[in-house]
Amino acid sequence: MSAPKELYRKTVWEKLREVAKPDSRFHFDFSHFIP
């Protein structure tokens, strides 16, 4: 049951990486971003 969640999460992260900009306050921690 966790497989679909992980697939969705991976898909969302891949799309976020295309548009997310790292915030220097987080030292390029891509789990925190400014849209």
C-alpha atoms as a PDB file:
ATOM      1  CA  MET A   1       0.000   0.000   0.000  1.00  0.00           C
ATOM      2  CA  SER A   2       2.933   2.373   0.526  1.00  0.00           C
ATOM      3  CA  ALA A   3       4.219   1.884  -3.029  1.00  0.00           C
ATOM      4  CA  PRO A   4       1.696   4.265  -4.684  1.00  0.00           C
ATOM      5  CA  LYS A   5       2.445   6.941  -2.064  1.00  0.00           C
ATOM      6  CA  GLU A   6       6.157   6.644  -2.739  1.00  0.00           C
ATOM      7  CA  LEU A   7       5.544   6.834  -6.477  1.00  0.00           C
ATOM      8  CA  TYR A   8       3.451   9.992  -6.081  1.00  0.00           C
ATOM      9  CA  ARG A   9       6.035  11.510  -3.756  1.00  0.00           C
ATOM     10  CA  LYS A  10       8.832  10.789  -6.229  1.00  0.00           C
ATOM     11  CA  THR A  11       6.825  12.290  -9.081  1.00  0.00           C
ATOM     12  CA  VAL A  12       6.033  15.427  -7.091  1.00  0.00           C
ATOM     13  CA  TRP A  13       9.671  15.866  -6.008  1.00  0.00           C
ATOM     14  CA  GLU A  14      10.847  15.537  -9.608  1.00  0.00           C
ATOM     15  CA  LYS A  15       8.425  18.250 -10.709  1.00  0.00           C
ATOM     16  CA  LEU A  16       9.328  20.471  -7.764  1.00  0.00           C
ATOM     17  CA  ARG A  17      13.030  20.228  -8.578  1.00  0.00           C
ATOM     18  CA  GLU A  18      12.320  21.772 -11.971  1.00  0.00           C
ATOM     19  CA  VAL A  19      10.763  24.907 -10.473  1.00  0.00           C
ATOM     20  CA  ALA A  20      11.897  25.124  -6.851  1.00  0.00           C
ATOM     21  CA  LYS A  21      14.615  27.595  -5.968  1.00  0.00           C
ATOM     22  CA  PRO A  22      16.929  26.820  -3.078  1.00  0.00           C
ATOM     23  CA  ASP A  23      16.811  29.274  -0.212  1.00  0.00           C
ATOM     24  CA  SER A  24      20.265  30.071   1.142  1.00  0.00           C
ATOM     25  CA  ARG A  25      18.829  30.144   4.664  1.00  0.00           C
ATOM     26  CA  PHE A  26      18.449  26.370   4.352  1.00  0.00           C
ATOM     27  CA  HIS A  27      21.902  25.828   2.819  1.00  0.00           C
ATOM     28  CA  PHE A  28      20.518  24.303  -0.364  1.00  0.00           C
ATOM     29  CA  ASP A  29      18.293  21.867   1.513  1.00  0.00           C
ATOM     30  CA  PHE A  30      15.787  21.066  -1.219  1.00  0.00           C
ATOM     31  CA  SER A  31      13.247  19.808   1.291  1.00  0.00           C
ATOM     32  CA  HIS A  32      12.657  23.527   2.001  1.00  0.00           C
ATOM     33  CA  PHE A  33      11.936  25.765  -0.939  1.00  0.00           C
ATOM     34  CA  ILE A  34      10.341  29.040  -1.953  1.00  0.00           C
ATOM     35  CA  PRO A  35       7.820  28.587  -4.792  1.00  0.00           C
END
